[in-house]
Amino acid sequence: MQHEVKKTQNLLNSGGEIVEEGWARRPLWRYDRRHIKANKWRIKEWDYYSVMSHDHKFSLCVTFSDLGYAGLFALAFIDFERKAVAQIDATKLFPKGKLGLQPHSGDYAVGWANDKFRIALSRKGNKRRVIVGAPSLLLPDGSVGLDADLTLEQPKNLESLNIATSWSENRRAFYLNEKINCMPTTGKVRLGERHLTLNSNEAFGLLDWGRGVWTYSNRWFWSSASGLLDERTFGFNLGYGFSDRSPASENAIIYDNKIYKLEEVKFEIPPSYTDQWKITSSDNRFEMTFDPVVDRQTETNLLVIKSDQHQVFGYFNGYATLNDGTRLLVKDFPGFAEDVYNRF
């Protein structure tokens, strides 16, 4: 089932359950923490940006999250040529909604810093800005220090993939999410002594905007890519395993700024995450192989809290088919696919 929601409405009813589950092409659900029927430390809120430069062969990922019991901040630089990752992260205990993350994905500004790195995220109109700095970060080429000031353009005609779903075992546990792919990104990046200027069409950004209350233990699969194909914006978002997806999947092709919905997808992951994957859809409209370059792997095991994350970056090859039957051939298209298990 693919239930498309088409009217603006409150996300939750007075009982703390989703009023109308499904997916949408715009952010139509109004999120309000006051309507949530769960302890504050169970509420999860996050803004995650990923910028991929096809030309310069790198990705920059920024996490700004409030997980209730802890705030998590992370900055990762993925070097496709050297097949390596440089990452720095930090936590803040028990923020419980006080980090400044907004109940919407519209205009806002948030920031955070410690003595190791800093993050500033904002939106004004159709432009999003990501500013980060990590002066002591050791990069894969041996140089030290990273700074970036990036502007992501979100055109008015760019559709996003929005989903509101809950868990079958607890309908008060919910997942509200917006994925905005294919945002043209410009700006400047400093990598040690090297200075890069990202010009038009050299990089594209993604925003993963999420709010919700999760159940204790979850495993999910997610894949995303953004860029140009035959001089038009092209990307995709694929995901499953997280919440009850019977009302709608979050699987879609993005082409020329429009969403083309897919049915269910399957990730065929080999025993070694750096061997070739295969990703297919049940409607035969998405058939890709994925050749990994590097596994951004993190693991935490603190008894009641456990996390095992594999965000793998690499290249996609295959085809994606639009609603009218147009087949898009994809060759060596950079992106990522992940397998994540969390228990907290």
C-alpha atoms as a PDB file:
ATOM      1  CA  MET A   1       0.000   0.000   0.000  1.00  0.00           C
ATOM      2  CA  GLN A   2       1.193   3.508  -0.842  1.00  0.00           C
ATOM      3  CA  HIS A   3      -1.101   6.010   0.850  1.00  0.00           C
ATOM      4  CA  GLU A   4      -0.261   9.546  -0.257  1.00  0.00           C
ATOM      5  CA  VAL A   5      -1.262  12.278   2.203  1.00  0.00           C
ATOM      6  CA  LYS A   6      -2.282  15.518   0.495  1.00  0.00           C
ATOM      7  CA  LYS A   7      -3.486  17.908   3.203  1.00  0.00           C
ATOM      8  CA  THR A   8      -1.733  19.736   6.032  1.00  0.00           C
ATOM      9  CA  GLN A   9      -2.665  18.348   9.444  1.00  0.00           C
ATOM     10  CA  ASN A  10      -1.510  17.682  12.989  1.00  0.00           C
ATOM     11  CA  LEU A  11       0.771  14.684  13.219  1.00  0.00           C
ATOM     12  CA  LEU A  12      -0.658  13.245  16.449  1.00  0.00           C
ATOM     13  CA  ASN A  13      -4.142  13.024  17.935  1.00  0.00           C
ATOM     14  CA  SER A  14      -4.982  13.554  21.611  1.00  0.00           C
ATOM     15  CA  GLY A  15      -3.987   9.957  22.342  1.00  0.00           C
ATOM     16  CA  GLY A  16      -0.503  10.434  20.915  1.00  0.00           C
ATOM     17  CA  GLU A  17      -1.093   8.359  17.777  1.00  0.00           C
ATOM     18  CA  ILE A  18      -0.612   9.450  14.157  1.00  0.00           C
ATOM     19  CA  VAL A  19      -3.778  10.929  12.665  1.00  0.00           C
ATOM     20  CA  GLU A  20      -3.066   9.834   9.083  1.00  0.00           C
ATOM     21  CA  GLU A  21      -0.122   7.596   8.266  1.00  0.00           C
ATOM     22  CA  GLY A  22       1.430   7.615   4.818  1.00  0.00           C
ATOM     23  CA  TRP A  23       3.814   9.581   2.642  1.00  0.00           C
ATOM     24  CA  ALA A  24       3.776  13.028   1.042  1.00  0.00           C
ATOM     25  CA  ARG A  25       5.683  15.144  -1.474  1.00  0.00           C
ATOM     26  CA  ARG A  26       5.872  18.065   0.945  1.00  0.00           C
ATOM     27  CA  PRO A  27       6.148  18.308   4.759  1.00  0.00           C
ATOM     28  CA  LEU A  28       2.418  18.320   5.588  1.00  0.00           C
ATOM     29  CA  TRP A  29       2.431  16.996   9.175  1.00  0.00           C
ATOM     30  CA  ARG A  30       2.606  19.460  12.082  1.00  0.00           C
ATOM     31  CA  TYR A  31       4.919  18.071  14.758  1.00  0.00           C
ATOM     32  CA  ASP A  32       4.406  19.189  18.366  1.00  0.00           C
ATOM     33  CA  ARG A  33       6.332  17.664  21.286  1.00  0.00           C
ATOM     34  CA  ARG A  34       3.437  18.511  23.626  1.00  0.00           C
ATOM     35  CA  HIS A  35       1.260  15.889  21.909  1.00  0.00           C
ATOM     36  CA  ILE A  36       3.731  13.049  22.461  1.00  0.00           C
ATOM     37  CA  LYS A  37       2.701  10.399  24.989  1.00  0.00           C
ATOM     38  CA  ALA A  38       6.185   9.325  26.069  1.00  0.00           C
ATOM     39  CA  ASN A  39       8.908  10.426  28.443  1.00  0.00           C
ATOM     40  CA  LYS A  40      11.110  13.238  27.116  1.00  0.00           C
ATOM     41  CA  TRP A  41      14.180  11.012  27.145  1.00  0.00           C
ATOM     42  CA  ARG A  42      12.470   8.706  24.596  1.00  0.00           C
ATOM     43  CA  ILE A  43      12.021  11.481  22.011  1.00  0.00           C
ATOM     44  CA  LYS A  44      14.494  11.461  19.103  1.00  0.00           C
ATOM     45  CA  GLU A  45      15.144  14.532  16.930  1.00  0.00           C
ATOM     46  CA  TRP A  46      17.865  14.948  14.326  1.00  0.00           C
ATOM     47  CA  ASP A  47      19.109  16.950  11.357  1.00  0.00           C
ATOM     48  CA  TYR A  48      21.618  15.054   9.220  1.00  0.00           C
ATOM     49  CA  TYR A  49      23.290  16.600   6.180  1.00  0.00           C
ATOM     50  CA  SER A  50      25.350  14.745   3.612  1.00  0.00           C
ATOM     51  CA  VAL A  51      27.082  16.542   0.745  1.00  0.00           C
ATOM     52  CA  MET A  52      28.618  14.511  -2.064  1.00  0.00           C
ATOM     53  CA  SER A  53      31.020  15.966  -4.637  1.00  0.00           C
ATOM     54  CA  HIS A  54      31.234  13.810  -7.733  1.00  0.00           C
ATOM     55  CA  ASP A  55      33.987  16.023  -9.159  1.00  0.00           C
ATOM     56  CA  HIS A  56      36.210  16.139  -6.071  1.00  0.00           C
ATOM     57  CA  LYS A  57      35.400  12.587  -4.940  1.00  0.00           C
ATOM     58  CA  PHE A  58      34.493  13.206  -1.333  1.00  0.00           C
ATOM     59  CA  SER A  59      31.499  13.302   0.958  1.00  0.00           C
ATOM     60  CA  LEU A  60      30.970  15.454   4.043  1.00  0.00           C
ATOM     61  CA  CYS A  61      28.443  14.270   6.632  1.00  0.00           C
ATOM     62  CA  VAL A  62      27.156  16.299   9.585  1.00  0.00           C
ATOM     63  CA  THR A  63      24.959  15.019  12.429  1.00  0.00           C
ATOM     64  CA  PHE A  64      23.144  17.282  14.899  1.00  0.00           C
ATOM     65  CA  SER A  65      20.839  15.182  17.053  1.00  0.00           C
ATOM     66  CA  ASP A  66      18.939  15.128  20.319  1.00  0.00           C
ATOM     67  CA  LEU A  67      18.269  11.530  21.333  1.00  0.00           C
ATOM     68  CA  GLY A  68      16.652  12.456  24.643  1.00  0.00           C
ATOM     69  CA  TYR A  69      19.189  10.915  26.986  1.00  0.00           C
ATOM     70  CA  ALA A  70      22.086  12.344  24.924  1.00  0.00           C
ATOM     71  CA  GLY A  71      22.852  14.845  22.219  1.00  0.00           C
ATOM     72  CA  LEU A  72      25.066  13.435  19.472  1.00  0.00           C
ATOM     73  CA  PHE A  73      27.163  15.617  17.178  1.00  0.00           C
ATOM     74  CA  ALA A  74      29.379  14.246  14.432  1.00  0.00           C
ATOM     75  CA  LEU A  75      31.426  15.397  11.474  1.00  0.00           C
ATOM     76  CA  ALA A  76      32.776  12.890   8.958  1.00  0.00           C
ATOM     77  CA  PHE A  77      34.904  13.354   5.845  1.00  0.00           C
ATOM     78  CA  ILE A  78      34.834  10.445   3.389  1.00  0.00           C
ATOM     79  CA  ASP A  79      37.721  10.331   0.907  1.00  0.00           C
ATOM     80  CA  PHE A  80      36.722   8.205  -2.099  1.00  0.00           C
ATOM     81  CA  GLU A  81      40.210   8.243  -3.640  1.00  0.00           C
ATOM     82  CA  ARG A  82      42.013   7.085  -0.500  1.00  0.00           C
ATOM     83  CA  LYS A  83      39.133   4.851   0.585  1.00  0.00           C
ATOM     84  CA  ALA A  84      39.213   6.234   4.100  1.00  0.00           C
ATOM     85  CA  VAL A  85      37.139   8.137   6.663  1.00  0.00           C
ATOM     86  CA  ALA A  86      38.081  10.883   9.108  1.00  0.00           C
ATOM     87  CA  GLN A  87      35.527  11.484  11.845  1.00  0.00           C
ATOM     88  CA  ILE A  88      35.085  13.424  15.042  1.00  0.00           C
ATOM     89  CA  ASP A  89      32.093  13.268  17.374  1.00  0.00           C
ATOM     90  CA  ALA A  90      30.884  14.337  20.790  1.00  0.00           C
ATOM     91  CA  THR A  91      27.948  13.874  23.149  1.00  0.00           C
ATOM     92  CA  LYS A  92      25.988  16.022  25.568  1.00  0.00           C
ATOM     93  CA  LEU A  93      24.052  14.275  28.323  1.00  0.00           C
ATOM     94  CA  PHE A  94      20.293  14.671  28.740  1.00  0.00           C
ATOM     95  CA  PRO A  95      19.498  17.588  26.391  1.00  0.00           C
ATOM     96  CA  LYS A  96      15.805  16.568  26.298  1.00  0.00           C
ATOM     97  CA  GLY A  97      14.726  18.967  23.569  1.00  0.00           C
ATOM     98  CA  LYS A  98      16.864  21.953  24.539  1.00  0.00           C
ATOM     99  CA  LEU A  99      19.396  21.987  21.685  1.00  0.00           C
ATOM    100  CA  GLY A 100      17.323  24.292  19.480  1.00  0.00           C
ATOM    101  CA  LEU A 101      16.125  21.804  16.877  1.00  0.00           C
ATOM    102  CA  GLN A 102      12.852  23.028  15.426  1.00  0.00           C
ATOM    103  CA  PRO A 103       9.480  21.247  14.987  1.00  0.00           C
ATOM    104  CA  HIS A 104       9.663  21.964  11.235  1.00  0.00           C
ATOM    105  CA  SER A 105      12.217  21.890   8.415  1.00  0.00           C
ATOM    106  CA  GLY A 106      11.661  25.550   7.497  1.00  0.00           C
ATOM    107  CA  ASP A 107      13.722  28.599   8.432  1.00  0.00           C
ATOM    108  CA  TYR A 108      15.880  28.030  11.512  1.00  0.00           C
ATOM    109  CA  ALA A 109      19.385  28.295  12.916  1.00  0.00           C
ATOM    110  CA  VAL A 110      21.168  26.016  15.390  1.00  0.00           C
ATOM    111  CA  GLY A 111      24.753  25.675  16.472  1.00  0.00           C
ATOM    112  CA  TRP A 112      27.009  23.699  18.759  1.00  0.00           C
ATOM    113  CA  ALA A 113      30.726  23.713  19.536  1.00  0.00           C
ATOM    114  CA  ASN A 114      33.368  22.342  21.857  1.00  0.00           C
ATOM    115  CA  ASP A 115      37.155  22.714  21.837  1.00  0.00           C
ATOM    116  CA  LYS A 116      37.514  20.125  19.033  1.00  0.00           C
ATOM    117  CA  PHE A 117      34.912  21.076  16.410  1.00  0.00           C
ATOM    118  CA  ARG A 118      31.908  23.238  15.658  1.00  0.00           C
ATOM    119  CA  ILE A 119      28.662  22.940  13.701  1.00  0.00           C
ATOM    120  CA  ALA A 120      26.244  25.643  12.524  1.00  0.00           C
ATOM    121  CA  LEU A 121      23.123  24.770  10.512  1.00  0.00           C
ATOM    122  CA  SER A 122      20.531  27.159   9.135  1.00  0.00           C
ATOM    123  CA  ARG A 123      17.887  27.773   6.517  1.00  0.00           C
ATOM    124  CA  LYS A 124      16.594  31.040   5.119  1.00  0.00           C
ATOM    125  CA  GLY A 125      14.169  30.877   2.217  1.00  0.00           C
ATOM    126  CA  ASN A 126      15.349  28.405  -0.407  1.00  0.00           C
ATOM    127  CA  LYS A 127      18.922  28.243   0.870  1.00  0.00           C
ATOM    128  CA  ARG A 128      20.344  26.019   3.571  1.00  0.00           C
ATOM    129  CA  ARG A 129      23.773  26.632   5.039  1.00  0.00           C
ATOM    130  CA  VAL A 130      26.153  24.179   6.666  1.00  0.00           C
ATOM    131  CA  ILE A 131      29.236  25.587   8.405  1.00  0.00           C
ATOM    132  CA  VAL A 132      31.655  23.236  10.151  1.00  0.00           C
ATOM    133  CA  GLY A 133      35.181  23.351  11.463  1.00  0.00           C
ATOM    134  CA  ALA A 134      37.542  20.812  13.002  1.00  0.00           C
ATOM    135  CA  PRO A 135      41.036  22.367  13.234  1.00  0.00           C
ATOM    136  CA  SER A 136      42.731  19.265  14.659  1.00  0.00           C
ATOM    137  CA  LEU A 137      41.008  16.569  12.563  1.00  0.00           C
ATOM    138  CA  LEU A 138      43.556  14.227  10.959  1.00  0.00           C
ATOM    139  CA  LEU A 139      42.499  13.682   7.340  1.00  0.00           C
ATOM    140  CA  PRO A 140      43.112  10.555   5.223  1.00  0.00           C
ATOM    141  CA  ASP A 141      45.943  12.217   3.249  1.00  0.00           C
ATOM    142  CA  GLY A 142      47.827  13.013   6.466  1.00  0.00           C
ATOM    143  CA  SER A 143      46.971  16.701   6.543  1.00  0.00           C
ATOM    144  CA  VAL A 144      45.302  18.306   9.543  1.00  0.00           C
ATOM    145  CA  GLY A 145      42.217  20.479   9.811  1.00  0.00           C
ATOM    146  CA  LEU A 146      38.900  20.843   8.010  1.00  0.00           C
ATOM    147  CA  ASP A 147      36.662  23.854   7.467  1.00  0.00           C
ATOM    148  CA  ALA A 148      33.605  24.088   5.237  1.00  0.00           C
ATOM    149  CA  ASP A 149      31.038  26.755   4.440  1.00  0.00           C
ATOM    150  CA  LEU A 150      28.413  25.256   2.146  1.00  0.00           C
ATOM    151  CA  THR A 151      25.146  26.536   0.701  1.00  0.00           C
ATOM    152  CA  LEU A 152      22.523  24.000  -0.339  1.00  0.00           C
ATOM    153  CA  GLU A 153      19.838  25.327  -2.653  1.00  0.00           C
ATOM    154  CA  GLN A 154      16.325  23.950  -2.182  1.00  0.00           C
ATOM    155  CA  PRO A 155      14.274  25.072  -5.207  1.00  0.00           C
ATOM    156  CA  LYS A 156      10.547  25.524  -4.689  1.00  0.00           C
ATOM    157  CA  ASN A 157       9.797  22.830  -7.266  1.00  0.00           C
ATOM    158  CA  LEU A 158      12.032  20.237  -5.585  1.00  0.00           C
ATOM    159  CA  GLU A 159       9.829  17.538  -4.093  1.00  0.00           C
ATOM    160  CA  SER A 160      10.925  15.801  -0.895  1.00  0.00           C
ATOM    161  CA  LEU A 161      10.044  12.386   0.460  1.00  0.00           C
ATOM    162  CA  ASN A 162       8.024  12.661   3.665  1.00  0.00           C
ATOM    163  CA  ILE A 163       6.753   9.753   5.720  1.00  0.00           C
ATOM    164  CA  ALA A 164       4.794   9.308   8.942  1.00  0.00           C
ATOM    165  CA  THR A 165       4.527   5.768  10.291  1.00  0.00           C
ATOM    166  CA  SER A 166       4.282   4.003  13.650  1.00  0.00           C
ATOM    167  CA  TRP A 167       5.241   0.667  15.190  1.00  0.00           C
ATOM    168  CA  SER A 168       2.673  -2.130  15.181  1.00  0.00           C
ATOM    169  CA  GLU A 169       3.561  -3.120  18.763  1.00  0.00           C
ATOM    170  CA  ASN A 170       3.142   0.456  20.030  1.00  0.00           C
ATOM    171  CA  ARG A 171       1.225   2.993  17.944  1.00  0.00           C
ATOM    172  CA  ARG A 172       2.438   5.816  20.185  1.00  0.00           C
ATOM    173  CA  ALA A 173       5.943   5.140  18.919  1.00  0.00           C
ATOM    174  CA  PHE A 174       6.266   6.985  15.621  1.00  0.00           C
ATOM    175  CA  TYR A 175       8.645   8.050  12.871  1.00  0.00           C
ATOM    176  CA  LEU A 176       8.227  11.404  11.110  1.00  0.00           C
ATOM    177  CA  ASN A 177      10.848  11.985   8.450  1.00  0.00           C
ATOM    178  CA  GLU A 178      11.674  14.191   5.497  1.00  0.00           C
ATOM    179  CA  LYS A 179      14.413  13.344   3.015  1.00  0.00           C
ATOM    180  CA  ILE A 180      15.444  16.161   0.682  1.00  0.00           C
ATOM    181  CA  ASN A 181      17.747  14.883  -2.062  1.00  0.00           C
ATOM    182  CA  CYS A 182      19.443  16.575  -4.997  1.00  0.00           C
ATOM    183  CA  MET A 183      20.107  20.010  -3.486  1.00  0.00           C
ATOM    184  CA  PRO A 184      22.787  21.773  -5.599  1.00  0.00           C
ATOM    185  CA  THR A 185      25.623  22.705  -3.252  1.00  0.00           C
ATOM    186  CA  THR A 186      28.250  25.418  -3.586  1.00  0.00           C
ATOM    187  CA  GLY A 187      30.845  26.807  -1.215  1.00  0.00           C
ATOM    188  CA  LYS A 188      34.360  26.404   0.073  1.00  0.00           C
ATOM    189  CA  VAL A 189      36.162  23.552   1.795  1.00  0.00           C
ATOM    190  CA  ARG A 190      39.599  23.603   3.423  1.00  0.00           C
ATOM    191  CA  LEU A 191      41.393  20.289   3.777  1.00  0.00           C
ATOM    192  CA  GLY A 192      44.676  20.936   5.539  1.00  0.00           C
ATOM    193  CA  GLU A 193      46.538  23.335   3.235  1.00  0.00           C
ATOM    194  CA  ARG A 194      44.284  22.502   0.281  1.00  0.00           C
ATOM    195  CA  HIS A 195      41.430  24.863  -0.538  1.00  0.00           C
ATOM    196  CA  LEU A 196      38.514  23.701  -2.715  1.00  0.00           C
ATOM    197  CA  THR A 197      35.769  25.771  -4.278  1.00  0.00           C
ATOM    198  CA  LEU A 198      32.574  23.890  -5.078  1.00  0.00           C
ATOM    199  CA  ASN A 199      31.003  25.486  -8.118  1.00  0.00           C
ATOM    200  CA  SER A 200      27.571  24.902  -9.618  1.00  0.00           C
ATOM    201  CA  ASN A 201      26.775  21.224 -10.324  1.00  0.00           C
ATOM    202  CA  GLU A 202      29.980  19.942  -8.670  1.00  0.00           C
ATOM    203  CA  ALA A 203      28.251  18.785  -5.481  1.00  0.00           C
ATOM    204  CA  PHE A 204      24.773  17.869  -4.255  1.00  0.00           C
ATOM    205  CA  GLY A 205      23.360  17.681  -0.764  1.00  0.00           C
ATOM    206  CA  LEU A 206      20.869  15.650   1.230  1.00  0.00           C
ATOM    207  CA  LEU A 207      18.953  16.516   4.384  1.00  0.00           C
ATOM    208  CA  ASP A 208      17.609  13.733   6.585  1.00  0.00           C
ATOM    209  CA  TRP A 209      15.211  15.501   8.968  1.00  0.00           C
ATOM    210  CA  GLY A 210      13.657  13.242  11.588  1.00  0.00           C
ATOM    211  CA  ARG A 211      11.486  13.455  14.680  1.00  0.00           C
ATOM    212  CA  GLY A 212       9.901  10.635  16.642  1.00  0.00           C
ATOM    213  CA  VAL A 213       9.664   8.171  19.485  1.00  0.00           C
ATOM    214  CA  TRP A 214      11.244   4.791  18.818  1.00  0.00           C
ATOM    215  CA  THR A 215      10.827   1.361  20.286  1.00  0.00           C
ATOM    216  CA  TYR A 216      13.821  -0.002  22.197  1.00  0.00           C
ATOM    217  CA  SER A 217      15.482  -2.184  19.560  1.00  0.00           C
ATOM    218  CA  ASN A 218      15.595  -1.493  15.814  1.00  0.00           C
ATOM    219  CA  ARG A 219      17.521  -2.456  12.718  1.00  0.00           C
ATOM    220  CA  TRP A 220      17.149  -0.506   9.506  1.00  0.00           C
ATOM    221  CA  PHE A 221      18.543  -0.329   5.992  1.00  0.00           C
ATOM    222  CA  TRP A 222      18.951   2.975   4.153  1.00  0.00           C
ATOM    223  CA  SER A 223      20.498   4.083   0.892  1.00  0.00           C
ATOM    224  CA  SER A 224      20.715   7.469  -0.772  1.00  0.00           C
ATOM    225  CA  ALA A 225      22.397   9.233  -3.677  1.00  0.00           C
ATOM    226  CA  SER A 226      22.125  12.639  -5.354  1.00  0.00           C
ATOM    227  CA  GLY A 227      23.672  14.179  -8.441  1.00  0.00           C
ATOM    228  CA  LEU A 228      23.193  14.756 -12.147  1.00  0.00           C
ATOM    229  CA  LEU A 229      22.219  12.221 -14.784  1.00  0.00           C
ATOM    230  CA  ASP A 230      22.061  13.415 -18.394  1.00  0.00           C
ATOM    231  CA  GLU A 231      22.186  17.007 -17.095  1.00  0.00           C
ATOM    232  CA  ARG A 232      19.099  16.537 -14.897  1.00  0.00           C
ATOM    233  CA  THR A 233      18.945  16.076 -11.148  1.00  0.00           C
ATOM    234  CA  PHE A 234      18.810  12.416 -10.228  1.00  0.00           C
ATOM    235  CA  GLY A 235      18.878  10.562  -6.962  1.00  0.00           C
ATOM    236  CA  PHE A 236      17.062   8.041  -4.850  1.00  0.00           C
ATOM    237  CA  ASN A 237      16.066   7.233  -1.300  1.00  0.00           C
ATOM    238  CA  LEU A 238      15.567   3.646  -0.182  1.00  0.00           C
ATOM    239  CA  GLY A 239      14.768   2.448   3.305  1.00  0.00           C
ATOM    240  CA  TYR A 240      13.028  -0.282   5.299  1.00  0.00           C
ATOM    241  CA  GLY A 241      13.074  -2.214   8.554  1.00  0.00           C
ATOM    242  CA  PHE A 242      12.170   0.784  10.706  1.00  0.00           C
ATOM    243  CA  SER A 243       8.531   1.000  11.890  1.00  0.00           C
ATOM    244  CA  ASP A 244       5.458  -0.545  10.229  1.00  0.00           C
ATOM    245  CA  ARG A 245       5.654   0.391   6.538  1.00  0.00           C
ATOM    246  CA  SER A 246       2.288  -1.036   5.484  1.00  0.00           C
ATOM    247  CA  PRO A 247       0.814   2.494   4.948  1.00  0.00           C
ATOM    248  CA  ALA A 248       3.731   3.554   2.722  1.00  0.00           C
ATOM    249  CA  SER A 249       7.364   2.924   1.918  1.00  0.00           C
ATOM    250  CA  GLU A 250      10.047   5.598   1.806  1.00  0.00           C
ATOM    251  CA  ASN A 251      11.431   4.262  -1.457  1.00  0.00           C
ATOM    252  CA  ALA A 252      11.600   6.670  -4.364  1.00  0.00           C
ATOM    253  CA  ILE A 253      13.518   7.860  -7.391  1.00  0.00           C
ATOM    254  CA  ILE A 254      14.111  11.598  -7.690  1.00  0.00           C
ATOM    255  CA  TYR A 255      14.435  12.808 -11.284  1.00  0.00           C
ATOM    256  CA  ASP A 256      14.317  16.383 -12.521  1.00  0.00           C
ATOM    257  CA  ASN A 257      13.172  17.421  -9.000  1.00  0.00           C
ATOM    258  CA  LYS A 258      10.150  15.079  -9.009  1.00  0.00           C
ATOM    259  CA  ILE A 259       9.400  12.050  -6.813  1.00  0.00           C
ATOM    260  CA  TYR A 260       8.701   8.691  -8.496  1.00  0.00           C
ATOM    261  CA  LYS A 261       7.510   6.253  -5.856  1.00  0.00           C
ATOM    262  CA  LEU A 262       8.763   2.676  -5.643  1.00  0.00           C
ATOM    263  CA  GLU A 263       7.299  -0.380  -3.934  1.00  0.00           C
ATOM    264  CA  GLU A 264       9.320  -2.488  -1.477  1.00  0.00           C
ATOM    265  CA  VAL A 265      13.088  -2.851  -1.821  1.00  0.00           C
ATOM    266  CA  LYS A 266      15.570  -5.486  -0.701  1.00  0.00           C
ATOM    267  CA  PHE A 267      19.242  -5.112   0.182  1.00  0.00           C
ATOM    268  CA  GLU A 268      21.342  -8.201  -0.532  1.00  0.00           C
ATOM    269  CA  ILE A 269      24.367  -7.647   1.700  1.00  0.00           C
ATOM    270  CA  PRO A 270      27.367 -10.016   1.578  1.00  0.00           C
ATOM    271  CA  PRO A 271      29.127 -11.244   4.744  1.00  0.00           C
ATOM    272  CA  SER A 272      31.802  -8.619   4.161  1.00  0.00           C
ATOM    273  CA  TYR A 273      30.330  -5.120   3.907  1.00  0.00           C
ATOM    274  CA  THR A 274      33.024  -4.095   1.425  1.00  0.00           C
ATOM    275  CA  ASP A 275      32.035  -6.734  -1.138  1.00  0.00           C
ATOM    276  CA  GLN A 276      29.467  -5.941  -3.822  1.00  0.00           C
ATOM    277  CA  TRP A 277      25.851  -5.450  -2.717  1.00  0.00           C
ATOM    278  CA  LYS A 278      22.677  -5.816  -4.746  1.00  0.00           C
ATOM    279  CA  ILE A 279      19.589  -3.640  -4.238  1.00  0.00           C
ATOM    280  CA  THR A 280      16.310  -4.386  -6.024  1.00  0.00           C
ATOM    281  CA  SER A 281      12.663  -3.340  -5.838  1.00  0.00           C
ATOM    282  CA  SER A 282       9.635  -5.630  -5.848  1.00  0.00           C
ATOM    283  CA  ASP A 283       8.146  -3.751  -8.826  1.00  0.00           C
ATOM    284  CA  ASN A 284      11.352  -4.339 -10.868  1.00  0.00           C
ATOM    285  CA  ARG A 285      11.866  -0.605 -11.336  1.00  0.00           C
ATOM    286  CA  PHE A 286      15.100  -0.386  -9.377  1.00  0.00           C
ATOM    287  CA  GLU A 287      17.923  -2.823 -10.098  1.00  0.00           C
ATOM    288  CA  MET A 288      21.370  -1.818  -8.874  1.00  0.00           C
ATOM    289  CA  THR A 289      24.677  -3.239  -7.826  1.00  0.00           C
ATOM    290  CA  PHE A 290      26.629  -1.298  -5.235  1.00  0.00           C
ATOM    291  CA  ASP A 291      30.418  -1.449  -5.172  1.00  0.00           C
ATOM    292  CA  PRO A 292      31.716  -0.254  -1.794  1.00  0.00           C
ATOM    293  CA  VAL A 293      34.712   2.031  -1.424  1.00  0.00           C
ATOM    294  CA  VAL A 294      34.827   2.439   2.354  1.00  0.00           C
ATOM    295  CA  ASP A 295      32.781   1.365   5.392  1.00  0.00           C
ATOM    296  CA  ARG A 296      32.127   4.125   7.922  1.00  0.00           C
ATOM    297  CA  GLN A 297      31.658   1.719  10.816  1.00  0.00           C
ATOM    298  CA  THR A 298      30.954   2.660  14.424  1.00  0.00           C
ATOM    299  CA  GLU A 299      30.101   0.426  17.366  1.00  0.00           C
ATOM    300  CA  THR A 300      28.971   1.096  20.933  1.00  0.00           C
ATOM    301  CA  ASN A 301      28.190  -1.493  23.597  1.00  0.00           C
ATOM    302  CA  LEU A 302      27.262  -0.175  27.049  1.00  0.00           C
ATOM    303  CA  LEU A 303      24.985  -2.998  28.244  1.00  0.00           C
ATOM    304  CA  VAL A 304      21.527  -1.403  27.881  1.00  0.00           C
ATOM    305  CA  ILE A 305      22.802   0.814  25.051  1.00  0.00           C
ATOM    306  CA  LYS A 306      24.126  -0.879  21.940  1.00  0.00           C
ATOM    307  CA  SER A 307      24.761   0.420  18.435  1.00  0.00           C
ATOM    308  CA  ASP A 308      26.383  -1.214  15.418  1.00  0.00           C
ATOM    309  CA  GLN A 309      26.415   0.990  12.333  1.00  0.00           C
ATOM    310  CA  HIS A 310      27.793   0.371   8.860  1.00  0.00           C
ATOM    311  CA  GLN A 311      27.368   3.342   6.535  1.00  0.00           C
ATOM    312  CA  VAL A 312      29.098   2.194   3.376  1.00  0.00           C
ATOM    313  CA  PHE A 313      30.090   4.621   0.620  1.00  0.00           C
ATOM    314  CA  GLY A 314      30.617   3.541  -2.958  1.00  0.00           C
ATOM    315  CA  TYR A 315      29.299   3.492  -6.511  1.00  0.00           C
ATOM    316  CA  PHE A 316      25.964   2.345  -7.956  1.00  0.00           C
ATOM    317  CA  ASN A 317      25.453   0.702 -11.342  1.00  0.00           C
ATOM    318  CA  GLY A 318      22.212  -0.445 -12.942  1.00  0.00           C
ATOM    319  CA  TYR A 319      18.937   1.166 -13.866  1.00  0.00           C
ATOM    320  CA  ALA A 320      15.955   2.985 -12.404  1.00  0.00           C
ATOM    321  CA  THR A 321      12.589   3.142 -14.163  1.00  0.00           C
ATOM    322  CA  LEU A 322      10.164   6.074 -14.009  1.00  0.00           C
ATOM    323  CA  ASN A 323       6.368   5.769 -13.849  1.00  0.00           C
ATOM    324  CA  ASP A 324       6.008   6.077 -17.638  1.00  0.00           C
ATOM    325  CA  GLY A 325       8.477   3.265 -18.291  1.00  0.00           C
ATOM    326  CA  THR A 326      11.478   5.459 -19.066  1.00  0.00           C
ATOM    327  CA  ARG A 327      14.578   3.543 -18.032  1.00  0.00           C
ATOM    328  CA  LEU A 328      17.485   5.538 -16.637  1.00  0.00           C
ATOM    329  CA  LEU A 329      20.885   3.901 -16.946  1.00  0.00           C
ATOM    330  CA  VAL A 330      23.129   4.545 -13.970  1.00  0.00           C
ATOM    331  CA  LYS A 331      26.896   4.098 -14.130  1.00  0.00           C
ATOM    332  CA  ASP A 332      29.449   4.665 -11.360  1.00  0.00           C
ATOM    333  CA  PHE A 333      27.082   6.944  -9.450  1.00  0.00           C
ATOM    334  CA  PRO A 334      28.382   7.748  -5.936  1.00  0.00           C
ATOM    335  CA  GLY A 335      26.214   7.344  -2.872  1.00  0.00           C
ATOM    336  CA  PHE A 336      25.895   5.278   0.284  1.00  0.00           C
ATOM    337  CA  ALA A 337      24.013   2.329   1.728  1.00  0.00           C
ATOM    338  CA  GLU A 338      23.796   1.434   5.390  1.00  0.00           C
ATOM    339  CA  ASP A 339      22.870  -1.332   7.795  1.00  0.00           C
ATOM    340  CA  VAL A 340      22.266  -0.014  11.314  1.00  0.00           C
ATOM    341  CA  TYR A 341      21.276  -1.735  14.546  1.00  0.00           C
ATOM    342  CA  ASN A 342      20.395   0.368  17.589  1.00  0.00           C
ATOM    343  CA  ARG A 343      19.212  -0.663  21.031  1.00  0.00           C
ATOM    344  CA  PHE A 344      18.508   2.203  23.391  1.00  0.00           C
END
